[in-house]
Amino acid sequence: ETFIPEHQRDFSASRRLRIWSTACSTGEEPYSLAITLHKAMGSSLKSWDSRILATDLDTDVLDKGKKGIYKNDRIKDLPREVSKQWFKKGAGENENYVKVDPSLADLITFKQLNLLHEWPVKGPFDVIMCRNVLIYFDKQTQKELVKRFTQLLRPGGLLILGHSESIAKSFGDLILRGHTIFEKQ
């Protein structure tokens, strides 16, 4: 409601949008982000260079994400219009499964990445999602990861953490914009 319209206004010349979903597991977050982009940007999304990088350490979960096939119960809590528009129901032996719409998958690149090693990614990113990951690391590692994320964000870009995670209210170049949303200055 706020970020996408602001981004469209401020970056109408470059028409570029980059989002990184770290630790994306089986892909629900990046596909949700793709749905959000389609809903928020509408037909203008086609004229934008928009990409979602989806990374995880586990290649098995990345393979599931790439396929975009989920059991029906994974989308049962979605609004009916969302599940109907963005997921195709399986038939026959696949009747208990759904597949994401190809237009969602077209926005996403799945890659293996270990957050503790070198990151073969380039910025700047407009949004970095690192939800419910930092809790698995000690405080020093958390600080190092947040610093590295911040370096890859453009000024005004957002770092979004999980609700169970916290970092200092002001962390270097980051200021709190929401409960777990930080904006790079």
N, C-alpha and C. Protein backbone atom coordinates (compact mmCIF):
# COMPACT_ATOMS: atom_id res chain seq x y z
N GLU A 1 0.81 -1.20 0.00
CA GLU A 1 0.00 0.00 0.00
C GLU A 1 0.85 1.27 0.00
N THR A 2 2.06 1.17 0.56
CA THR A 2 2.90 2.35 0.65
C THR A 2 4.16 2.23 -0.20
N PHE A 3 4.90 1.17 0.02
CA PHE A 3 6.21 1.06 -0.61
C PHE A 3 6.14 1.00 -2.13
N ILE A 4 5.29 0.15 -2.66
CA ILE A 4 5.22 -0.03 -4.12
C ILE A 4 4.81 1.28 -4.82
N PRO A 5 3.75 1.97 -4.38
CA PRO A 5 3.44 3.26 -5.03
C PRO A 5 4.58 4.27 -4.93
N GLU A 6 5.23 4.33 -3.77
CA GLU A 6 6.37 5.24 -3.62
C GLU A 6 7.50 4.86 -4.58
N HIS A 7 7.75 3.55 -4.66
CA HIS A 7 8.82 3.08 -5.55
C HIS A 7 8.50 3.40 -7.01
N GLN A 8 7.26 3.16 -7.40
CA GLN A 8 6.86 3.45 -8.78
C GLN A 8 7.03 4.94 -9.09
N ARG A 9 6.69 5.77 -8.14
CA ARG A 9 6.83 7.22 -8.34
C ARG A 9 8.31 7.62 -8.41
N ASP A 10 9.10 7.14 -7.46
CA ASP A 10 10.49 7.58 -7.35
C ASP A 10 11.42 6.96 -8.39
N PHE A 11 11.02 5.81 -8.94
CA PHE A 11 11.90 5.11 -9.89
C PHE A 11 11.22 4.92 -11.24
N SER A 12 10.37 5.86 -11.59
CA SER A 12 9.66 5.75 -12.87
C SER A 12 10.60 5.86 -14.06
N ALA A 13 11.74 6.50 -13.89
CA ALA A 13 12.70 6.62 -14.99
C ALA A 13 13.42 5.29 -15.24
N SER A 14 13.90 4.64 -14.18
CA SER A 14 14.65 3.39 -14.36
C SER A 14 13.72 2.18 -14.50
N ARG A 15 12.54 2.29 -13.90
CA ARG A 15 11.57 1.19 -13.94
C ARG A 15 12.21 -0.14 -13.53
N ARG A 16 12.95 -0.10 -12.43
CA ARG A 16 13.67 -1.28 -11.93
C ARG A 16 13.25 -1.56 -10.49
N LEU A 17 13.01 -2.84 -10.19
CA LEU A 17 12.64 -3.26 -8.84
C LEU A 17 13.32 -4.58 -8.55
N ARG A 18 14.08 -4.63 -7.45
CA ARG A 18 14.79 -5.84 -7.06
C ARG A 18 14.45 -6.20 -5.62
N ILE A 19 14.02 -7.44 -5.43
CA ILE A 19 13.67 -7.95 -4.11
C ILE A 19 14.46 -9.23 -3.88
N TRP A 20 14.98 -9.40 -2.67
CA TRP A 20 15.69 -10.62 -2.30
C TRP A 20 14.96 -11.27 -1.14
N SER A 21 14.52 -12.49 -1.35
CA SER A 21 13.91 -13.31 -0.31
C SER A 21 14.97 -14.30 0.14
N THR A 22 15.64 -13.98 1.26
CA THR A 22 16.68 -14.87 1.79
C THR A 22 16.00 -16.04 2.49
N ALA A 23 16.65 -17.17 2.55
CA ALA A 23 16.11 -18.35 3.24
C ALA A 23 14.65 -18.59 2.84
N CYS A 24 14.41 -18.68 1.55
CA CYS A 24 13.05 -18.74 1.01
C CYS A 24 12.38 -20.09 1.16
N SER A 25 13.12 -21.10 1.60
CA SER A 25 12.58 -22.45 1.78
C SER A 25 11.93 -22.94 0.48
N THR A 26 10.69 -23.40 0.56
CA THR A 26 10.04 -24.00 -0.61
C THR A 26 9.35 -22.99 -1.53
N GLY A 27 9.57 -21.70 -1.27
CA GLY A 27 9.13 -20.69 -2.23
C GLY A 27 7.85 -19.94 -1.94
N GLU A 28 7.18 -20.23 -0.84
CA GLU A 28 5.92 -19.54 -0.57
C GLU A 28 6.11 -18.03 -0.48
N GLU A 29 7.19 -17.58 0.19
CA GLU A 29 7.41 -16.14 0.31
C GLU A 29 7.65 -15.46 -1.03
N PRO A 30 8.58 -15.96 -1.87
CA PRO A 30 8.75 -15.28 -3.16
C PRO A 30 7.50 -15.31 -4.04
N TYR A 31 6.74 -16.40 -3.99
CA TYR A 31 5.50 -16.41 -4.78
C TYR A 31 4.49 -15.42 -4.21
N SER A 32 4.43 -15.29 -2.90
CA SER A 32 3.56 -14.28 -2.29
C SER A 32 3.99 -12.87 -2.69
N LEU A 33 5.30 -12.65 -2.74
CA LEU A 33 5.82 -11.36 -3.18
C LEU A 33 5.43 -11.10 -4.64
N ALA A 34 5.51 -12.12 -5.48
CA ALA A 34 5.14 -11.97 -6.89
C ALA A 34 3.65 -11.63 -7.03
N ILE A 35 2.81 -12.28 -6.23
CA ILE A 35 1.38 -11.97 -6.25
C ILE A 35 1.17 -10.52 -5.82
N THR A 36 1.88 -10.10 -4.77
CA THR A 36 1.77 -8.73 -4.28
C THR A 36 2.17 -7.73 -5.36
N LEU A 37 3.25 -8.01 -6.08
CA LEU A 37 3.68 -7.11 -7.16
C LEU A 37 2.60 -7.02 -8.24
N HIS A 38 2.05 -8.16 -8.63
CA HIS A 38 1.00 -8.15 -9.66
C HIS A 38 -0.21 -7.34 -9.19
N LYS A 39 -0.61 -7.55 -7.94
CA LYS A 39 -1.78 -6.84 -7.42
C LYS A 39 -1.51 -5.34 -7.28
N ALA A 40 -0.34 -4.99 -6.77
CA ALA A 40 -0.03 -3.58 -6.51
C ALA A 40 0.29 -2.80 -7.78
N MET A 41 0.93 -3.45 -8.74
CA MET A 41 1.38 -2.73 -9.93
C MET A 41 0.46 -2.92 -11.13
N GLY A 42 -0.35 -3.94 -11.09
CA GLY A 42 -1.28 -4.19 -12.18
C GLY A 42 -0.57 -4.35 -13.51
N SER A 43 -1.17 -3.81 -14.55
CA SER A 43 -0.60 -3.98 -15.89
C SER A 43 0.73 -3.25 -16.07
N SER A 44 1.02 -2.28 -15.21
CA SER A 44 2.30 -1.57 -15.34
C SER A 44 3.50 -2.46 -15.00
N LEU A 45 3.26 -3.57 -14.30
CA LEU A 45 4.36 -4.49 -13.96
C LEU A 45 5.09 -4.96 -15.21
N LYS A 46 4.38 -5.14 -16.31
CA LYS A 46 4.99 -5.62 -17.55
C LYS A 46 6.03 -4.65 -18.10
N SER A 47 5.89 -3.38 -17.80
CA SER A 47 6.84 -2.39 -18.32
C SER A 47 7.99 -2.12 -17.35
N TRP A 48 8.04 -2.87 -16.27
CA TRP A 48 9.10 -2.70 -15.27
C TRP A 48 10.06 -3.88 -15.34
N ASP A 49 11.32 -3.63 -15.04
CA ASP A 49 12.34 -4.67 -14.91
C ASP A 49 12.31 -5.12 -13.45
N SER A 50 11.40 -6.02 -13.14
CA SER A 50 11.18 -6.48 -11.77
C SER A 50 11.66 -7.91 -11.62
N ARG A 51 12.46 -8.15 -10.56
CA ARG A 51 13.00 -9.49 -10.30
C ARG A 51 12.97 -9.77 -8.82
N ILE A 52 12.71 -11.02 -8.48
CA ILE A 52 12.76 -11.50 -7.11
C ILE A 52 13.81 -12.59 -7.06
N LEU A 53 14.83 -12.39 -6.24
CA LEU A 53 15.85 -13.42 -6.01
C LEU A 53 15.41 -14.20 -4.79
N ALA A 54 15.31 -15.52 -4.93
CA ALA A 54 14.89 -16.40 -3.85
C ALA A 54 16.05 -17.36 -3.56
N THR A 55 16.62 -17.24 -2.36
CA THR A 55 17.78 -18.07 -2.02
C THR A 55 17.51 -18.91 -0.78
N ASP A 56 18.22 -20.02 -0.71
CA ASP A 56 18.20 -20.87 0.47
C ASP A 56 19.44 -21.75 0.42
N LEU A 57 19.82 -22.24 1.56
CA LEU A 57 20.95 -23.16 1.67
C LEU A 57 20.60 -24.54 1.15
N ASP A 58 19.37 -24.98 1.39
CA ASP A 58 18.92 -26.33 1.10
C ASP A 58 18.44 -26.46 -0.35
N THR A 59 19.17 -27.25 -1.14
CA THR A 59 18.81 -27.40 -2.56
C THR A 59 17.51 -28.18 -2.75
N ASP A 60 17.16 -29.05 -1.79
CA ASP A 60 15.90 -29.80 -1.92
C ASP A 60 14.70 -28.86 -1.84
N VAL A 61 14.72 -27.94 -0.89
CA VAL A 61 13.58 -27.02 -0.79
C VAL A 61 13.57 -26.05 -1.96
N LEU A 62 14.75 -25.67 -2.46
CA LEU A 62 14.80 -24.81 -3.65
C LEU A 62 14.19 -25.50 -4.85
N ASP A 63 14.45 -26.79 -5.02
CA ASP A 63 13.86 -27.55 -6.12
C ASP A 63 12.34 -27.53 -6.04
N LYS A 64 11.80 -27.67 -4.82
CA LYS A 64 10.35 -27.60 -4.65
C LYS A 64 9.84 -26.21 -5.02
N GLY A 65 10.57 -25.19 -4.61
CA GLY A 65 10.16 -23.83 -4.95
C GLY A 65 10.17 -23.60 -6.45
N LYS A 66 11.21 -24.07 -7.12
CA LYS A 66 11.29 -23.90 -8.58
C LYS A 66 10.11 -24.55 -9.28
N LYS A 67 9.70 -25.71 -8.81
CA LYS A 67 8.58 -26.42 -9.43
C LYS A 67 7.27 -25.68 -9.21
N GLY A 68 7.13 -25.02 -8.06
CA GLY A 68 5.91 -24.27 -7.78
C GLY A 68 4.68 -25.15 -7.63
N ILE A 69 4.88 -26.37 -7.15
CA ILE A 69 3.77 -27.30 -6.94
C ILE A 69 3.62 -27.53 -5.44
N TYR A 70 2.38 -27.32 -4.96
CA TYR A 70 2.12 -27.42 -3.52
C TYR A 70 0.87 -28.25 -3.27
N LYS A 71 0.81 -28.86 -2.09
CA LYS A 71 -0.42 -29.54 -1.69
C LYS A 71 -1.50 -28.49 -1.49
N ASN A 72 -2.73 -28.88 -1.77
CA ASN A 72 -3.87 -27.96 -1.65
C ASN A 72 -3.93 -27.26 -0.30
N ASP A 73 -3.58 -27.99 0.76
CA ASP A 73 -3.71 -27.40 2.09
C ASP A 73 -2.76 -26.21 2.32
N ARG A 74 -1.72 -26.07 1.49
CA ARG A 74 -0.79 -24.95 1.63
C ARG A 74 -1.42 -23.62 1.23
N ILE A 75 -2.49 -23.65 0.45
CA ILE A 75 -3.14 -22.40 0.02
C ILE A 75 -4.56 -22.27 0.58
N LYS A 76 -4.93 -23.14 1.48
CA LYS A 76 -6.31 -23.13 1.99
C LYS A 76 -6.70 -21.84 2.70
N ASP A 77 -5.74 -21.13 3.27
CA ASP A 77 -6.05 -19.90 3.99
C ASP A 77 -5.99 -18.65 3.11
N LEU A 78 -5.65 -18.82 1.85
CA LEU A 78 -5.63 -17.68 0.93
C LEU A 78 -7.05 -17.29 0.55
N PRO A 79 -7.28 -16.01 0.29
CA PRO A 79 -8.60 -15.62 -0.21
C PRO A 79 -8.93 -16.39 -1.50
N ARG A 80 -10.17 -16.75 -1.66
CA ARG A 80 -10.60 -17.55 -2.81
C ARG A 80 -10.17 -16.94 -4.13
N GLU A 81 -10.31 -15.60 -4.27
CA GLU A 81 -9.95 -14.96 -5.54
C GLU A 81 -8.45 -15.07 -5.82
N VAL A 82 -7.63 -15.09 -4.78
CA VAL A 82 -6.18 -15.23 -4.96
C VAL A 82 -5.85 -16.65 -5.41
N SER A 83 -6.39 -17.64 -4.70
CA SER A 83 -6.08 -19.02 -5.09
C SER A 83 -6.62 -19.35 -6.48
N LYS A 84 -7.77 -18.80 -6.81
CA LYS A 84 -8.35 -19.07 -8.13
C LYS A 84 -7.54 -18.41 -9.25
N GLN A 85 -7.04 -17.20 -9.00
CA GLN A 85 -6.31 -16.48 -10.04
C GLN A 85 -4.89 -16.99 -10.24
N TRP A 86 -4.22 -17.38 -9.16
CA TRP A 86 -2.79 -17.64 -9.23
C TRP A 86 -2.37 -19.09 -9.11
N PHE A 87 -3.32 -20.01 -8.88
CA PHE A 87 -2.97 -21.42 -8.72
C PHE A 87 -3.90 -22.29 -9.56
N LYS A 88 -3.30 -23.21 -10.28
CA LYS A 88 -4.07 -24.14 -11.11
C LYS A 88 -4.20 -25.46 -10.36
N LYS A 89 -5.42 -25.94 -10.23
CA LYS A 89 -5.67 -27.20 -9.54
C LYS A 89 -5.22 -28.38 -10.40
N GLY A 90 -4.66 -29.35 -9.72
CA GLY A 90 -4.23 -30.56 -10.40
C GLY A 90 -5.43 -31.47 -10.68
N ALA A 91 -5.22 -32.40 -11.60
CA ALA A 91 -6.27 -33.37 -11.94
C ALA A 91 -5.70 -34.77 -11.84
N GLY A 92 -6.59 -35.74 -11.75
CA GLY A 92 -6.16 -37.13 -11.70
C GLY A 92 -5.30 -37.40 -10.47
N GLU A 93 -4.14 -37.98 -10.71
CA GLU A 93 -3.25 -38.29 -9.58
C GLU A 93 -2.69 -37.04 -8.90
N ASN A 94 -2.85 -35.89 -9.53
CA ASN A 94 -2.39 -34.61 -8.96
C ASN A 94 -3.53 -33.77 -8.37
N GLU A 95 -4.69 -34.40 -8.14
CA GLU A 95 -5.85 -33.63 -7.69
C GLU A 95 -5.66 -32.98 -6.33
N ASN A 96 -4.73 -33.43 -5.53
CA ASN A 96 -4.48 -32.83 -4.21
C ASN A 96 -3.40 -31.76 -4.25
N TYR A 97 -3.05 -31.32 -5.47
CA TYR A 97 -1.97 -30.35 -5.63
C TYR A 97 -2.43 -29.16 -6.46
N VAL A 98 -1.67 -28.07 -6.32
CA VAL A 98 -1.86 -26.88 -7.15
C VAL A 98 -0.50 -26.48 -7.70
N LYS A 99 -0.52 -25.78 -8.82
CA LYS A 99 0.71 -25.26 -9.42
C LYS A 99 0.55 -23.75 -9.59
N VAL A 100 1.63 -23.02 -9.27
CA VAL A 100 1.56 -21.56 -9.39
C VAL A 100 1.47 -21.16 -10.86
N ASP A 101 0.85 -20.03 -11.08
CA ASP A 101 0.73 -19.48 -12.42
C ASP A 101 2.13 -19.14 -12.94
N PRO A 102 2.43 -19.46 -14.20
CA PRO A 102 3.75 -19.18 -14.76
C PRO A 102 4.17 -17.71 -14.69
N SER A 103 3.20 -16.79 -14.70
CA SER A 103 3.57 -15.37 -14.63
C SER A 103 4.21 -15.02 -13.28
N LEU A 104 3.91 -15.78 -12.25
CA LEU A 104 4.57 -15.59 -10.96
C LEU A 104 6.00 -16.11 -11.02
N ALA A 105 6.13 -17.32 -11.54
CA ALA A 105 7.45 -17.95 -11.63
C ALA A 105 8.40 -17.14 -12.50
N ASP A 106 7.86 -16.45 -13.49
CA ASP A 106 8.70 -15.64 -14.39
C ASP A 106 9.44 -14.51 -13.67
N LEU A 107 8.92 -14.08 -12.54
CA LEU A 107 9.54 -12.98 -11.79
C LEU A 107 10.65 -13.46 -10.85
N ILE A 108 10.75 -14.78 -10.64
CA ILE A 108 11.59 -15.31 -9.57
C ILE A 108 12.76 -16.13 -10.11
N THR A 109 13.93 -15.91 -9.50
CA THR A 109 15.11 -16.73 -9.76
C THR A 109 15.48 -17.42 -8.45
N PHE A 110 15.51 -18.74 -8.47
CA PHE A 110 15.89 -19.52 -7.28
C PHE A 110 17.36 -19.87 -7.36
N LYS A 111 18.09 -19.62 -6.26
CA LYS A 111 19.53 -19.92 -6.22
C LYS A 111 19.91 -20.42 -4.83
N GLN A 112 20.89 -21.32 -4.80
CA GLN A 112 21.43 -21.75 -3.51
C GLN A 112 22.38 -20.67 -2.99
N LEU A 113 22.28 -20.41 -1.68
CA LEU A 113 23.16 -19.43 -1.06
C LEU A 113 23.25 -19.71 0.43
N ASN A 114 24.46 -19.71 0.94
CA ASN A 114 24.72 -19.85 2.36
C ASN A 114 24.98 -18.46 2.91
N LEU A 115 24.16 -17.99 3.81
CA LEU A 115 24.30 -16.64 4.34
C LEU A 115 25.63 -16.42 5.06
N LEU A 116 26.27 -17.50 5.49
CA LEU A 116 27.52 -17.37 6.23
C LEU A 116 28.75 -17.35 5.33
N HIS A 117 28.55 -17.55 4.03
CA HIS A 117 29.66 -17.53 3.08
C HIS A 117 29.56 -16.30 2.18
N GLU A 118 30.42 -16.24 1.17
CA GLU A 118 30.36 -15.16 0.19
C GLU A 118 29.00 -15.17 -0.50
N TRP A 119 28.50 -13.99 -0.81
CA TRP A 119 27.23 -13.86 -1.51
C TRP A 119 27.49 -13.47 -2.96
N PRO A 120 27.22 -14.36 -3.89
CA PRO A 120 27.41 -14.02 -5.31
C PRO A 120 26.22 -13.23 -5.84
N VAL A 121 25.84 -12.18 -5.13
CA VAL A 121 24.72 -11.33 -5.54
C VAL A 121 25.20 -9.89 -5.60
N LYS A 122 24.56 -9.14 -6.45
CA LYS A 122 24.90 -7.73 -6.59
C LYS A 122 23.69 -6.90 -6.23
N GLY A 123 23.93 -5.78 -5.68
CA GLY A 123 22.86 -4.86 -5.37
C GLY A 123 22.78 -3.81 -6.45
N PRO A 124 22.08 -2.80 -6.21
CA PRO A 124 21.34 -2.62 -4.98
C PRO A 124 19.96 -3.29 -5.04
N PHE A 125 19.52 -3.72 -3.87
CA PHE A 125 18.17 -4.27 -3.74
C PHE A 125 17.27 -3.18 -3.18
N ASP A 126 16.02 -3.25 -3.56
CA ASP A 126 15.01 -2.32 -3.05
C ASP A 126 14.40 -2.86 -1.75
N VAL A 127 14.31 -4.18 -1.68
CA VAL A 127 13.77 -4.85 -0.49
C VAL A 127 14.57 -6.13 -0.27
N ILE A 128 14.93 -6.37 0.99
CA ILE A 128 15.52 -7.65 1.38
C ILE A 128 14.66 -8.21 2.50
N MET A 129 14.14 -9.41 2.27
CA MET A 129 13.34 -10.10 3.27
C MET A 129 14.23 -11.14 3.93
N CYS A 130 14.38 -11.04 5.24
CA CYS A 130 15.15 -12.01 6.01
C CYS A 130 14.32 -12.36 7.24
N ARG A 131 13.24 -13.05 7.00
CA ARG A 131 12.25 -13.30 8.04
C ARG A 131 12.51 -14.64 8.73
N ASN A 132 12.60 -14.57 10.05
CA ASN A 132 12.76 -15.76 10.89
C ASN A 132 14.00 -16.57 10.56
N VAL A 133 15.08 -15.86 10.32
CA VAL A 133 16.37 -16.50 10.02
C VAL A 133 17.40 -16.09 11.06
N LEU A 134 17.43 -14.82 11.38
CA LEU A 134 18.46 -14.31 12.31
C LEU A 134 18.40 -14.99 13.67
N ILE A 135 17.23 -15.46 14.08
CA ILE A 135 17.09 -16.09 15.39
C ILE A 135 17.97 -17.34 15.53
N TYR A 136 18.43 -17.88 14.43
CA TYR A 136 19.27 -19.08 14.48
C TYR A 136 20.75 -18.77 14.65
N PHE A 137 21.10 -17.48 14.68
CA PHE A 137 22.50 -17.08 14.78
C PHE A 137 22.76 -16.33 16.08
N ASP A 138 24.02 -16.35 16.51
CA ASP A 138 24.39 -15.58 17.70
C ASP A 138 24.36 -14.09 17.36
N LYS A 139 24.40 -13.25 18.41
CA LYS A 139 24.26 -11.80 18.23
C LYS A 139 25.31 -11.21 17.29
N GLN A 140 26.56 -11.67 17.40
CA GLN A 140 27.61 -11.13 16.54
C GLN A 140 27.35 -11.46 15.07
N THR A 141 26.95 -12.70 14.80
CA THR A 141 26.64 -13.10 13.43
C THR A 141 25.43 -12.32 12.91
N GLN A 142 24.43 -12.11 13.77
CA GLN A 142 23.27 -11.31 13.38
C GLN A 142 23.70 -9.91 12.95
N LYS A 143 24.57 -9.28 13.74
CA LYS A 143 25.04 -7.94 13.42
C LYS A 143 25.79 -7.92 12.09
N GLU A 144 26.62 -8.93 11.86
CA GLU A 144 27.38 -9.01 10.60
C GLU A 144 26.44 -9.18 9.40
N LEU A 145 25.44 -10.05 9.55
CA LEU A 145 24.49 -10.27 8.45
C LEU A 145 23.69 -9.00 8.15
N VAL A 146 23.22 -8.32 9.19
CA VAL A 146 22.46 -7.09 8.98
C VAL A 146 23.34 -6.05 8.29
N LYS A 147 24.60 -5.97 8.68
CA LYS A 147 25.52 -5.03 8.04
C LYS A 147 25.69 -5.36 6.55
N ARG A 148 25.83 -6.65 6.24
CA ARG A 148 25.98 -7.06 4.85
C ARG A 148 24.70 -6.79 4.04
N PHE A 149 23.54 -7.07 4.65
CA PHE A 149 22.27 -6.76 3.98
C PHE A 149 22.19 -5.26 3.69
N THR A 150 22.54 -4.46 4.68
CA THR A 150 22.45 -3.00 4.54
C THR A 150 23.32 -2.51 3.40
N GLN A 151 24.49 -3.11 3.24
CA GLN A 151 25.39 -2.70 2.16
C GLN A 151 24.77 -2.96 0.79
N LEU A 152 23.89 -3.96 0.70
CA LEU A 152 23.27 -4.30 -0.58
C LEU A 152 21.96 -3.57 -0.85
N LEU A 153 21.47 -2.82 0.15
CA LEU A 153 20.24 -2.06 -0.03
C LEU A 153 20.54 -0.69 -0.63
N ARG A 154 19.65 -0.22 -1.48
CA ARG A 154 19.76 1.16 -1.97
C ARG A 154 19.26 2.08 -0.86
N PRO A 155 19.67 3.35 -0.87
CA PRO A 155 19.09 4.30 0.08
C PRO A 155 17.57 4.32 -0.07
N GLY A 156 16.86 4.21 1.03
CA GLY A 156 15.40 4.13 1.00
C GLY A 156 14.89 2.71 0.89
N GLY A 157 15.80 1.75 0.66
CA GLY A 157 15.41 0.35 0.56
C GLY A 157 15.04 -0.21 1.92
N LEU A 158 14.29 -1.32 1.90
CA LEU A 158 13.77 -1.90 3.14
C LEU A 158 14.42 -3.24 3.46
N LEU A 159 14.74 -3.44 4.74
CA LEU A 159 15.12 -4.73 5.29
C LEU A 159 13.95 -5.16 6.16
N ILE A 160 13.36 -6.31 5.83
CA ILE A 160 12.19 -6.79 6.56
C ILE A 160 12.58 -8.08 7.29
N LEU A 161 12.45 -8.04 8.61
CA LEU A 161 12.77 -9.18 9.46
C LEU A 161 11.49 -9.85 9.93
N GLY A 162 11.64 -10.99 10.60
CA GLY A 162 10.50 -11.70 11.16
C GLY A 162 10.07 -11.09 12.48
N HIS A 163 8.83 -11.38 12.88
CA HIS A 163 8.29 -10.78 14.11
C HIS A 163 8.99 -11.27 15.37
N SER A 164 9.66 -12.41 15.30
CA SER A 164 10.37 -12.91 16.47
C SER A 164 11.80 -12.39 16.53
N GLU A 165 12.18 -11.56 15.57
CA GLU A 165 13.55 -11.06 15.51
C GLU A 165 13.58 -9.58 15.86
N SER A 166 14.70 -9.19 16.41
CA SER A 166 14.85 -7.78 16.69
C SER A 166 16.32 -7.40 16.56
N ILE A 167 16.53 -6.19 16.14
CA ILE A 167 17.85 -5.61 16.15
C ILE A 167 17.67 -4.25 16.81
N ALA A 168 18.75 -3.59 17.11
CA ALA A 168 18.63 -2.28 17.75
C ALA A 168 17.70 -1.39 16.94
N LYS A 169 16.93 -0.55 17.62
CA LYS A 169 15.98 0.34 16.94
C LYS A 169 16.65 1.18 15.86
N SER A 170 17.88 1.57 16.10
CA SER A 170 18.67 2.26 15.09
C SER A 170 19.94 1.46 14.90
N PHE A 171 20.14 0.96 13.70
CA PHE A 171 21.29 0.10 13.43
C PHE A 171 22.07 0.69 12.28
N GLY A 172 23.09 1.46 12.62
CA GLY A 172 23.90 2.06 11.56
C GLY A 172 23.07 2.93 10.66
N ASP A 173 22.97 2.53 9.41
CA ASP A 173 22.23 3.29 8.40
C ASP A 173 20.75 2.95 8.36
N LEU A 174 20.28 2.09 9.26
CA LEU A 174 18.88 1.67 9.25
C LEU A 174 18.07 2.40 10.30
N ILE A 175 16.86 2.79 9.90
CA ILE A 175 15.93 3.34 10.88
C ILE A 175 14.65 2.50 10.85
N LEU A 176 14.00 2.42 11.99
CA LEU A 176 12.78 1.64 12.11
C LEU A 176 11.64 2.32 11.37
N ARG A 177 10.99 1.56 10.49
CA ARG A 177 9.84 2.11 9.73
C ARG A 177 8.55 1.39 10.11
N GLY A 178 8.69 0.23 10.70
CA GLY A 178 7.57 -0.57 11.18
C GLY A 178 8.11 -1.48 12.26
N HIS A 179 7.28 -2.36 12.81
CA HIS A 179 7.72 -3.21 13.91
C HIS A 179 9.02 -3.96 13.58
N THR A 180 9.09 -4.54 12.42
CA THR A 180 10.30 -5.27 11.99
C THR A 180 10.73 -4.84 10.60
N ILE A 181 10.41 -3.63 10.22
CA ILE A 181 10.77 -3.10 8.90
C ILE A 181 11.75 -1.95 9.11
N PHE A 182 12.91 -2.06 8.47
CA PHE A 182 13.95 -1.07 8.59
C PHE A 182 14.25 -0.46 7.24
N GLU A 183 14.44 0.85 7.23
CA GLU A 183 14.74 1.57 5.99
C GLU A 183 16.18 2.07 6.02
N LYS A 184 16.89 1.87 4.90
CA LYS A 184 18.26 2.37 4.81
C LYS A 184 18.22 3.86 4.51
N GLN A 185 19.00 4.62 5.29
CA GLN A 185 19.11 6.07 5.09
C GLN A 185 20.11 6.40 4.01
